[in-house]
Amino acid sequence: MGEGEDLPDWAVPMWEELGSPDLEPIKPVHAGDLLGRRTGLRRDDLVEIIIDSRSMIDGDDNFVRGRLVSRGKGTLEILDDDGVFRYIHSDAIVEIRLIAHMRPAYIDDIELLEFEREDQKRRSELHEKVEKDTGRDDGHLWG
């Protein structure tokens, strides 16, 4: 199994599902030149989230383990180790433990940057189509 042996049992199937990426080159870098540091949460990270027990129903575990799918202003979207999508509000989070990065840092993630560029292009084309179809082409106006 190689690098997957360093992962907790619950994380190994998720690591394999993502193609068993080599974890060494995408590890966080906390020291050294500022330009060379790579810290922070990333899309697809394997994480363990500890939830404030006051937010839990009696008897439920106060942690969620899984893959970080998305982050919003006040929520994290997690695909948990049971395959359930969960939206967790930041007010309920006590701690987020990084288990392993599954992707390079944002600035080094060519696949993600290409996706975002194509997604932005698709959205712009969709907005233009909607404006044309509804007759609300006011893009030429200032102010």
Protein backbone atom coordinates (compact mmCIF):
# COMPACT_ATOMS: atom_id res chain seq x y z
CA MET A 1 0.00 0.00 0.00
CA GLY A 2 2.95 2.34 0.51
CA GLU A 3 2.03 5.82 1.69
CA GLY A 4 -1.51 4.82 2.57
CA GLU A 5 -0.11 2.86 5.51
CA ASP A 6 0.48 6.18 7.29
CA LEU A 7 -3.22 7.08 7.03
CA PRO A 8 -5.87 6.11 9.58
CA ASP A 9 -7.99 3.11 8.52
CA TRP A 10 -11.02 5.27 7.71
CA ALA A 11 -8.96 7.47 5.33
CA VAL A 12 -7.39 4.72 3.21
CA PRO A 13 -10.48 4.02 1.03
CA MET A 14 -10.90 7.77 0.37
CA TRP A 15 -7.21 8.06 -0.57
CA GLU A 16 -7.59 5.10 -2.94
CA GLU A 17 -10.79 6.60 -4.44
CA LEU A 18 -8.79 9.72 -5.33
CA GLY A 19 -6.23 7.62 -7.19
CA SER A 20 -3.79 7.03 -4.30
CA PRO A 21 -1.86 10.27 -4.87
CA ASP A 22 1.77 10.46 -3.77
CA LEU A 23 1.51 12.34 -0.47
CA GLU A 24 5.14 13.41 -0.12
CA PRO A 25 5.20 16.26 -2.69
CA ILE A 26 1.91 17.74 -1.47
CA LYS A 27 2.66 17.79 2.26
CA PRO A 28 2.26 21.14 4.01
CA VAL A 29 5.37 23.31 4.30
CA HIS A 30 5.29 25.44 7.47
CA ALA A 31 8.79 26.92 7.50
CA GLY A 32 11.31 28.44 5.14
CA ASP A 33 10.92 31.16 2.51
CA LEU A 34 7.47 32.71 2.48
CA LEU A 35 7.10 31.91 -1.23
CA GLY A 36 7.92 28.27 -0.56
CA ARG A 37 5.46 27.70 2.27
CA ARG A 38 2.33 25.71 1.57
CA THR A 39 -0.18 25.73 4.43
CA GLY A 40 -3.93 25.82 4.89
CA LEU A 41 -6.82 23.58 3.98
CA ARG A 42 -7.28 22.52 0.37
CA ARG A 43 -10.07 21.01 -1.68
CA ASP A 44 -10.18 17.20 -1.23
CA ASP A 45 -8.15 17.23 2.01
CA LEU A 46 -8.82 14.36 4.37
CA VAL A 47 -9.82 15.90 7.68
CA GLU A 48 -11.21 15.09 11.09
CA ILE A 49 -13.53 17.75 12.48
CA ILE A 50 -14.34 17.96 16.18
CA ILE A 51 -17.82 19.36 16.77
CA ASP A 52 -18.90 21.30 19.85
CA SER A 53 -20.79 18.72 21.90
CA ARG A 54 -23.50 21.30 22.64
CA SER A 55 -24.39 21.12 18.93
CA MET A 56 -24.81 17.36 18.96
CA ILE A 57 -27.77 15.12 19.63
CA ASP A 58 -27.17 12.97 22.73
CA GLY A 59 -25.36 9.79 21.81
CA ASP A 60 -23.87 11.06 18.53
CA ASP A 61 -20.11 11.20 18.05
CA ASN A 62 -18.74 14.72 18.26
CA PHE A 63 -16.45 14.29 15.27
CA VAL A 64 -16.77 13.96 11.52
CA ARG A 65 -14.12 12.28 9.42
CA GLY A 66 -13.98 12.68 5.68
CA ARG A 67 -12.97 14.63 2.59
CA LEU A 68 -13.29 18.40 2.39
CA VAL A 69 -15.41 19.08 -0.68
CA SER A 70 -15.95 22.82 -0.34
CA ARG A 71 -15.63 25.78 2.02
CA GLY A 72 -18.05 28.67 2.21
CA LYS A 73 -18.12 31.76 4.40
CA GLY A 74 -19.74 29.95 7.28
CA THR A 75 -19.79 26.27 6.35
CA LEU A 76 -17.66 23.32 5.36
CA GLU A 77 -19.00 20.70 2.99
CA ILE A 78 -17.69 17.25 3.88
CA LEU A 79 -18.10 13.85 2.27
CA ASP A 80 -17.83 11.73 5.40
CA ASP A 81 -16.32 8.29 5.73
CA ASP A 82 -19.83 6.76 5.38
CA GLY A 83 -20.36 8.52 2.03
CA VAL A 84 -22.79 11.11 3.44
CA PHE A 85 -22.50 14.76 2.40
CA ARG A 86 -22.55 17.00 5.44
CA TYR A 87 -22.71 20.77 5.72
CA ILE A 88 -21.14 21.85 8.99
CA HIS A 89 -21.51 25.40 10.24
CA SER A 90 -18.29 26.98 11.43
CA ASP A 91 -19.89 28.01 14.74
CA ALA A 92 -20.18 24.32 15.67
CA ILE A 93 -16.55 23.47 14.85
CA VAL A 94 -14.08 23.20 17.73
CA GLU A 95 -11.08 21.94 15.75
CA ILE A 96 -10.17 20.75 12.25
CA ARG A 97 -7.37 18.19 12.10
CA LEU A 98 -5.62 17.76 8.77
CA ILE A 99 -5.02 14.08 8.12
CA ALA A 100 -3.51 14.48 4.64
CA HIS A 101 -3.59 16.79 1.64
CA MET A 102 -4.83 15.11 -1.51
CA ARG A 103 -4.01 17.97 -3.89
CA PRO A 104 -1.15 20.43 -4.33
CA ALA A 105 -1.41 23.89 -2.78
CA TYR A 106 -3.80 26.19 -4.66
CA ILE A 107 -1.05 28.16 -6.40
CA ASP A 108 0.57 24.89 -7.60
CA ASP A 109 -2.64 23.08 -8.56
CA ILE A 110 -2.70 23.38 -12.36
CA GLU A 111 -5.76 21.12 -12.71
CA LEU A 112 -7.77 23.25 -10.27
CA LEU A 113 -6.67 26.53 -11.87
CA GLU A 114 -7.66 25.24 -15.33
CA PHE A 115 -11.02 24.09 -13.95
CA GLU A 116 -11.69 27.50 -12.40
CA ARG A 117 -10.78 29.30 -15.63
CA GLU A 118 -13.11 27.05 -17.68
CA ASP A 119 -15.86 27.36 -15.07
CA GLN A 120 -15.59 31.16 -15.11
CA LYS A 121 -15.76 31.15 -18.92
CA ARG A 122 -18.84 28.89 -18.82
CA ARG A 123 -20.54 31.14 -16.28
CA SER A 124 -19.83 34.27 -18.36
CA GLU A 125 -21.30 32.62 -21.45
CA LEU A 126 -24.36 31.58 -19.46
CA HIS A 127 -24.86 35.13 -18.13
CA GLU A 128 -24.57 36.54 -21.66
CA LYS A 129 -27.13 34.02 -22.92
CA VAL A 130 -29.57 34.87 -20.13
CA GLU A 131 -29.18 38.60 -20.82
CA LYS A 132 -29.79 38.05 -24.52
CA ASP A 133 -32.78 35.75 -23.96
CA THR A 134 -34.43 38.13 -21.46
CA GLY A 135 -33.67 41.30 -23.40
CA ARG A 136 -31.78 42.77 -20.47
CA ASP A 137 -28.53 43.52 -22.26
CA ASP A 138 -27.39 46.46 -20.14
CA GLY A 139 -23.70 45.57 -20.11
CA HIS A 140 -22.97 48.72 -22.10
CA LEU A 141 -24.20 50.99 -19.30
CA TRP A 142 -21.83 52.56 -16.76
CA GLY A 143 -22.48 53.22 -13.11
